Amino acid sequence: MATDLVTLAGMRKAAVLLVALGPELAAGVLHHMDDEEVEALSAEMVEIRQVPAETTREIIAELAEYVTSPDQAAMGGVDYTYDVLEKRFGRARAQEIVDALTGKMSHKPFDFLRRTPPEQVAAFLQEEAPQTIAIVVASLPNTMGAKVLAEIPRELQGEVSLRIATMSETNPLVVRDLETALKEKLSAILDQELTASGGVQALAEILNQAGRSTERHVLQAMAETDKVLAEEVRQRIFTFDDIVTLSDRDIQILLRDVDQKDLAVALRGVDQKVQDKLLSNLSSRGAEMLREDMEVMPPQRKAVVDEAQSKIVRSARVLDDAGTITIRQGDSGEDEVV
């Protein structure tokens, strides 16, 4: 059951909207706010766990109604918003964002599918006739249509694509009947659908995009209230697998600060490219000794591996805070100079 919008404060609505926009766009919004606003919104996002899809759609519709009202027309509107987004993100992404904001303003075929995961849409469509699948895919926003097509079994992709390419105008009554039938088929699941949650991971992903200055301020402010929660967010911002993004020089500095036994444990079960990257930054003898340690080491519990990886991540963060290594490049000069 959707949450009553009347009971939602403006700050919580803004936090839900930021979560719905995704990390990259949300970070861009935060970039234009002052520290107090960023701190307040971050606190709200951490508290969000699950929001009914209908509530998110209503919040987006409320925003769309506001920015396109006659009182706001001189300041912006859909066309102006699209022009700004196109210059920043390109035509396809701009259209996707505008579609999401204005989806409630006018009915579009299969609009109820637009916040359903593409793989879920494809799972239901694969039992339909190729012509039916083609109509649905062609009616969705280009980005989502592409994702749905990619999830459809390969033996159907060619035929569906051919039908889309040769499709002319479709009778609106046929589309309406098909939409009604598919909506009924998915109603049981759609009624329970939940949008992307907020919480610790959502905030960590946003801060990953927001730059080190914003990240530091938010984490410091959070730590004053809840040190455990702030540390949980901090740990998720840079993971063990992210080590491959460091320069070779920084990896070598980090490895000098890491216990060999912890490294051997931490490398168990990780992606091969992570192992290769770390081993290539050790001396020949050091890499050989590490491989030997890993070969003779008995199976380890996941909790033990996670702890070893966390130790190395903490070492990387300490070195980064000290300016010895740089965890993330491209902060656009946000770090303070003192």
Protein backbone atom coordinates (compact mmCIF):
# COMPACT_ATOMS: atom_id res chain seq x y z
CA MET A 1 0.00 0.00 0.00
CA ALA A 2 1.44 3.38 -1.00
CA THR A 3 2.54 5.80 1.70
CA ASP A 4 0.24 8.83 2.11
CA LEU A 5 2.18 11.77 0.68
CA VAL A 6 0.56 14.10 3.18
CA THR A 7 2.46 12.35 5.98
CA LEU A 8 5.83 12.77 4.25
CA ALA A 9 7.86 15.85 5.12
CA GLY A 10 9.46 17.82 2.32
CA MET A 11 12.97 16.66 3.28
CA ARG A 12 11.92 12.98 3.17
CA LYS A 13 10.31 13.52 -0.25
CA ALA A 14 13.55 15.05 -1.49
CA ALA A 15 15.52 12.08 -0.13
CA VAL A 16 13.20 9.58 -1.85
CA LEU A 17 13.60 11.50 -5.10
CA LEU A 18 17.42 11.46 -4.82
CA VAL A 19 17.38 7.69 -4.26
CA ALA A 20 15.14 7.23 -7.30
CA LEU A 21 17.46 9.36 -9.46
CA GLY A 22 20.45 7.09 -8.79
CA PRO A 23 23.95 7.86 -7.47
CA GLU A 24 25.30 9.92 -10.38
CA LEU A 25 22.35 12.30 -10.73
CA ALA A 26 21.84 12.51 -6.96
CA ALA A 27 25.49 13.50 -6.51
CA GLY A 28 25.01 16.23 -9.11
CA VAL A 29 22.06 17.61 -7.15
CA LEU A 30 23.97 17.54 -3.85
CA HIS A 31 26.83 19.41 -5.51
CA HIS A 32 24.59 22.50 -5.75
CA MET A 33 23.54 22.44 -2.09
CA ASP A 34 25.20 23.87 0.97
CA ASP A 35 26.72 21.68 3.68
CA GLU A 36 23.70 21.83 5.97
CA GLU A 37 21.32 20.72 3.21
CA VAL A 38 23.65 17.89 2.19
CA GLU A 39 23.93 16.72 5.79
CA ALA A 40 20.15 16.80 6.32
CA LEU A 41 19.39 14.92 3.10
CA SER A 42 22.09 12.33 3.82
CA ALA A 43 20.55 11.64 7.21
CA GLU A 44 17.16 11.11 5.54
CA MET A 45 18.57 8.78 2.86
CA VAL A 46 20.24 6.57 5.45
CA GLU A 47 16.90 6.15 7.24
CA ILE A 48 15.04 5.11 4.07
CA ARG A 49 14.75 1.34 3.79
CA GLN A 50 11.96 0.54 1.33
CA VAL A 51 9.56 2.89 -0.41
CA PRO A 52 6.51 1.62 -2.33
CA ALA A 53 6.83 2.24 -6.06
CA GLU A 54 3.54 4.14 -6.09
CA THR A 55 4.87 6.61 -3.50
CA THR A 56 7.95 7.31 -5.60
CA ARG A 57 5.82 7.78 -8.72
CA GLU A 58 3.56 10.23 -6.86
CA ILE A 59 6.54 12.25 -5.65
CA ILE A 60 7.93 12.42 -9.20
CA ALA A 61 4.49 13.40 -10.50
CA GLU A 62 4.25 16.13 -7.86
CA LEU A 63 7.60 17.53 -8.97
CA ALA A 64 6.62 17.32 -12.64
CA GLU A 65 3.34 19.13 -11.93
CA TYR A 66 5.18 21.86 -10.06
CA VAL A 67 7.88 22.54 -12.67
CA THR A 68 5.36 22.57 -15.54
CA SER A 69 2.68 24.68 -13.85
CA PRO A 70 1.80 28.06 -15.44
CA ASP A 71 3.40 29.87 -12.50
CA GLN A 72 6.72 28.14 -13.26
CA ALA A 73 6.51 28.24 -17.06
CA ALA A 74 8.67 31.35 -17.37
CA MET A 75 11.38 29.72 -15.28
CA GLY A 76 11.59 26.34 -16.89
CA GLY A 77 9.21 23.59 -17.91
CA VAL A 78 9.70 20.30 -19.73
CA ASP A 79 11.30 21.75 -22.87
CA TYR A 80 13.78 23.83 -20.89
CA THR A 81 14.57 20.90 -18.61
CA TYR A 82 15.18 18.65 -21.61
CA ASP A 83 17.53 21.21 -23.22
CA VAL A 84 19.59 21.45 -20.01
CA LEU A 85 19.75 17.67 -19.55
CA GLU A 86 20.65 17.07 -23.20
CA LYS A 87 23.65 19.39 -22.93
CA ARG A 88 24.79 17.65 -19.75
CA PHE A 89 24.01 13.97 -20.41
CA GLY A 90 23.22 13.60 -24.12
CA ARG A 91 19.93 13.04 -25.92
CA ALA A 92 19.15 9.46 -24.83
CA ARG A 93 19.75 10.01 -21.10
CA ALA A 94 17.94 13.37 -21.17
CA GLN A 95 14.88 11.77 -22.72
CA GLU A 96 14.93 8.97 -20.15
CA ILE A 97 15.00 11.46 -17.25
CA VAL A 98 12.26 13.63 -18.73
CA ASP A 99 10.14 10.53 -19.38
CA ALA A 100 10.48 9.58 -15.72
CA LEU A 101 9.52 13.07 -14.54
CA THR A 102 6.58 13.54 -16.88
CA GLY A 103 5.31 9.97 -17.05
CA LYS A 104 2.26 10.84 -14.95
CA MET A 105 1.37 13.91 -16.99
CA SER A 106 0.03 12.03 -20.01
CA HIS A 107 -0.68 8.40 -20.58
CA LYS A 108 1.92 6.46 -22.50
CA PRO A 109 1.56 2.82 -23.54
CA PHE A 110 2.91 0.38 -20.94
CA ASP A 111 3.79 3.25 -18.60
CA PHE A 112 3.32 0.93 -15.62
CA LEU A 113 6.33 -1.11 -16.76
CA ARG A 114 8.81 1.75 -16.68
CA ARG A 115 9.86 1.17 -13.08
CA THR A 116 9.86 -2.61 -13.37
CA PRO A 117 13.33 -4.23 -13.70
CA PRO A 118 14.05 -5.02 -17.39
CA GLU A 119 14.85 -8.66 -16.61
CA GLN A 120 11.44 -9.04 -14.95
CA VAL A 121 9.67 -7.51 -17.95
CA ALA A 122 11.58 -9.83 -20.29
CA ALA A 123 10.74 -12.88 -18.18
CA PHE A 124 7.03 -12.27 -18.64
CA LEU A 125 7.26 -11.20 -22.26
CA GLN A 126 9.19 -14.26 -23.44
CA GLU A 127 5.99 -16.31 -23.25
CA GLU A 128 4.19 -13.86 -25.54
CA ALA A 129 4.09 -13.86 -29.33
CA PRO A 130 7.03 -12.08 -31.03
CA GLN A 131 4.69 -9.40 -32.38
CA THR A 132 3.43 -8.69 -28.85
CA ILE A 133 6.97 -8.44 -27.52
CA ALA A 134 7.88 -6.11 -30.38
CA ILE A 135 4.98 -3.76 -29.62
CA VAL A 136 5.90 -3.56 -25.94
CA VAL A 137 9.64 -3.07 -26.51
CA ALA A 138 9.03 -0.42 -29.19
CA SER A 139 6.69 1.46 -26.81
CA LEU A 140 9.19 1.68 -23.95
CA PRO A 141 11.84 4.44 -23.62
CA ASN A 142 14.83 3.58 -25.83
CA THR A 143 17.18 2.85 -22.94
CA MET A 144 14.78 0.52 -21.18
CA GLY A 145 13.65 -1.07 -24.45
CA ALA A 146 17.27 -1.95 -25.21
CA LYS A 147 17.73 -3.55 -21.78
CA VAL A 148 14.54 -5.59 -22.13
CA LEU A 149 15.56 -6.76 -25.61
CA ALA A 150 18.96 -7.82 -24.25
CA GLU A 151 17.25 -9.97 -21.58
CA ILE A 152 15.01 -11.78 -24.05
CA PRO A 153 16.28 -15.26 -25.09
CA ARG A 154 18.63 -15.07 -28.07
CA GLU A 155 16.39 -17.23 -30.22
CA LEU A 156 13.69 -14.55 -29.94
CA GLN A 157 15.84 -11.43 -30.25
CA GLY A 158 16.27 -11.59 -34.02
CA GLU A 159 12.58 -12.11 -34.79
CA VAL A 160 11.47 -9.43 -32.33
CA SER A 161 14.00 -6.96 -33.77
CA LEU A 162 12.82 -7.69 -37.31
CA ARG A 163 9.21 -7.03 -36.33
CA ILE A 164 10.18 -3.75 -34.64
CA ALA A 165 12.06 -2.66 -37.76
CA THR A 166 9.13 -3.43 -40.07
CA MET A 167 6.45 -2.15 -37.70
CA SER A 168 4.25 0.65 -39.00
CA GLU A 169 1.46 2.38 -37.10
CA THR A 170 -0.27 0.13 -34.58
CA ASN A 171 -4.00 0.35 -33.90
CA PRO A 172 -4.40 2.19 -30.54
CA LEU A 173 -7.19 -0.21 -29.55
CA VAL A 174 -4.87 -3.18 -30.03
CA VAL A 175 -2.20 -1.50 -27.92
CA ARG A 176 -4.75 -0.64 -25.22
CA ASP A 177 -6.10 -4.20 -25.07
CA LEU A 178 -2.57 -5.61 -24.91
CA GLU A 179 -1.61 -3.15 -22.18
CA THR A 180 -4.67 -4.12 -20.11
CA ALA A 181 -3.97 -7.84 -20.48
CA LEU A 182 -0.31 -7.51 -19.55
CA LYS A 183 -1.10 -5.24 -16.62
CA GLU A 184 -3.52 -7.83 -15.24
CA LYS A 185 -0.91 -10.55 -15.71
CA LEU A 186 1.68 -8.59 -13.73
CA SER A 187 -0.68 -7.04 -11.18
CA ALA A 188 0.10 -9.53 -8.42
CA ILE A 189 3.80 -8.63 -8.58
CA LEU A 190 3.39 -4.95 -9.38
CA ASP A 191 1.22 -4.46 -6.30
CA GLN A 192 4.17 -5.60 -4.18
CA GLU A 193 6.87 -3.88 -6.18
CA LEU A 194 9.30 -1.82 -4.16
CA THR A 195 11.52 0.87 -5.56
CA ALA A 196 15.24 0.99 -5.04
CA SER A 197 15.86 1.36 -1.33
CA GLY A 198 17.84 4.02 0.41
CA GLY A 199 20.00 3.05 3.34
CA VAL A 200 23.73 2.74 3.85
CA GLN A 201 24.61 1.35 0.42
CA ALA A 202 22.61 4.00 -1.43
CA LEU A 203 24.33 6.79 0.50
CA ALA A 204 27.76 5.20 -0.05
CA GLU A 205 27.17 5.06 -3.82
CA ILE A 206 26.08 8.70 -3.86
CA LEU A 207 29.11 9.81 -1.85
CA ASN A 208 31.36 7.85 -4.21
CA GLN A 209 30.18 10.23 -6.94
CA ALA A 210 30.04 13.40 -4.86
CA GLY A 211 33.77 14.03 -4.35
CA ARG A 212 36.03 13.79 -1.33
CA SER A 213 35.11 17.19 0.14
CA THR A 214 31.39 16.37 0.38
CA GLU A 215 32.21 12.83 1.47
CA ARG A 216 34.40 14.00 4.36
CA HIS A 217 31.88 16.54 5.58
CA VAL A 218 28.97 14.08 5.53
CA LEU A 219 30.92 11.34 7.30
CA GLN A 220 32.22 13.72 9.95
CA ALA A 221 28.73 15.04 10.60
CA MET A 222 27.29 11.51 10.78
CA ALA A 223 30.06 10.37 13.14
CA GLU A 224 29.06 13.05 15.65
CA THR A 225 25.67 11.35 15.95
CA ASP A 226 26.38 7.69 15.11
CA LYS A 227 30.01 6.58 14.75
CA VAL A 228 29.08 2.99 13.91
CA LEU A 229 26.77 4.01 11.07
CA ALA A 230 29.29 6.51 9.73
CA GLU A 231 31.99 3.84 9.68
CA GLU A 232 29.66 1.42 7.89
CA VAL A 233 29.08 3.99 5.15
CA ARG A 234 32.80 4.77 5.01
CA GLN A 235 33.74 1.12 4.55
CA ARG A 236 31.32 0.74 1.65
CA ILE A 237 32.64 3.73 -0.22
CA PHE A 238 35.89 1.94 -1.10
CA THR A 239 35.87 -1.86 -1.29
CA PHE A 240 38.64 -4.40 -1.57
CA ASP A 241 37.84 -5.02 -5.24
CA ASP A 242 38.31 -1.28 -5.87
CA ILE A 243 42.04 -1.69 -5.26
CA VAL A 244 42.44 -2.42 -8.97
CA THR A 245 41.55 1.24 -9.63
CA LEU A 246 44.65 2.45 -7.78
CA SER A 247 47.83 3.32 -9.63
CA ASP A 248 50.65 0.76 -9.53
CA ARG A 249 52.69 3.11 -7.35
CA ASP A 250 49.86 3.45 -4.80
CA ILE A 251 49.27 -0.31 -4.75
CA GLN A 252 52.96 -0.89 -4.03
CA ILE A 253 52.84 1.62 -1.15
CA LEU A 254 49.69 -0.05 0.20
CA LEU A 255 51.19 -3.54 0.01
CA ARG A 256 54.19 -2.41 2.05
CA ASP A 257 51.71 -1.47 4.79
CA VAL A 258 49.81 -4.79 4.68
CA ASP A 259 50.52 -7.97 6.62
CA GLN A 260 51.38 -10.85 4.23
CA LYS A 261 49.06 -13.26 6.04
CA ASP A 262 46.14 -10.86 5.79
CA LEU A 263 46.81 -10.44 2.08
CA ALA A 264 46.86 -14.20 1.50
CA VAL A 265 43.51 -14.58 3.26
CA ALA A 266 41.98 -11.52 1.57
CA LEU A 267 42.78 -12.83 -1.92
CA ARG A 268 40.81 -16.05 -1.45
CA GLY A 269 37.81 -16.16 -3.76
CA VAL A 270 38.26 -12.68 -5.24
CA ASP A 271 38.08 -11.89 -8.93
CA GLN A 272 41.16 -13.05 -10.85
CA LYS A 273 41.90 -9.53 -12.09
CA VAL A 274 42.23 -8.37 -8.47
CA GLN A 275 44.68 -11.17 -7.70
CA ASP A 276 46.67 -10.46 -10.85
CA LYS A 277 46.81 -6.73 -10.16
CA LEU A 278 48.13 -7.18 -6.64
CA LEU A 279 50.58 -9.97 -7.49
CA SER A 280 51.99 -7.93 -10.37
CA ASN A 281 52.90 -5.17 -7.93
CA LEU A 282 54.92 -7.46 -5.69
CA SER A 283 58.51 -8.47 -6.30
CA SER A 284 58.96 -11.81 -8.07
CA ARG A 285 60.00 -13.40 -4.78
CA GLY A 286 57.16 -11.75 -2.87
CA ALA A 287 54.56 -12.92 -5.41
CA GLU A 288 55.97 -16.45 -5.32
CA MET A 289 55.83 -16.58 -1.52
CA LEU A 290 52.25 -15.25 -1.52
CA ARG A 291 51.14 -17.93 -4.00
CA GLU A 292 52.75 -20.61 -1.83
CA ASP A 293 50.96 -19.27 1.26
CA MET A 294 47.63 -19.36 -0.57
CA GLU A 295 48.20 -22.91 -1.83
CA VAL A 296 48.93 -24.38 1.60
CA MET A 297 46.30 -22.35 3.42
CA PRO A 298 43.24 -24.36 4.53
CA PRO A 299 39.71 -23.19 3.58
CA GLN A 300 38.70 -19.99 5.38
CA ARG A 301 35.31 -18.86 6.61
CA LYS A 302 33.84 -15.95 4.68
CA ALA A 303 33.81 -13.85 7.85
CA VAL A 304 37.57 -14.32 8.17
CA VAL A 305 38.15 -13.35 4.54
CA ASP A 306 35.90 -10.30 4.92
CA GLU A 307 37.82 -9.18 7.99
CA ALA A 308 41.18 -9.52 6.22
CA GLN A 309 39.86 -7.50 3.30
CA SER A 310 38.49 -4.87 5.68
CA LYS A 311 41.91 -4.51 7.31
CA ILE A 312 43.48 -3.79 3.93
CA VAL A 313 40.70 -1.35 3.02
CA ARG A 314 41.22 0.45 6.33
CA SER A 315 44.95 0.68 5.60
CA ALA A 316 44.17 2.18 2.20
CA ARG A 317 41.84 4.76 3.77
CA VAL A 318 44.45 5.73 6.37
CA LEU A 319 47.08 6.20 3.65
CA ASP A 320 44.60 8.17 1.56
CA ASP A 321 43.70 10.47 4.47
CA ALA A 322 47.41 11.05 5.06
CA GLY A 323 47.88 11.97 1.40
CA THR A 324 50.30 9.10 0.85
CA ILE A 325 48.12 7.48 -1.83
CA THR A 326 45.06 8.62 -3.78
CA ILE A 327 42.12 6.27 -3.64
CA ARG A 328 40.01 8.03 -6.22
CA GLN A 329 41.08 10.21 -9.12
CA GLY A 330 38.99 12.91 -10.77
CA ASP A 331 37.59 14.76 -7.77
CA SER A 332 37.33 17.89 -9.92
CA GLY A 333 39.47 19.84 -7.50
CA GLU A 334 37.01 19.50 -4.67
CA ASP A 335 39.60 18.72 -2.01
CA GLU A 336 40.32 21.73 0.16
CA VAL A 337 43.73 23.38 -0.07
CA VAL A 338 44.99 24.70 3.25
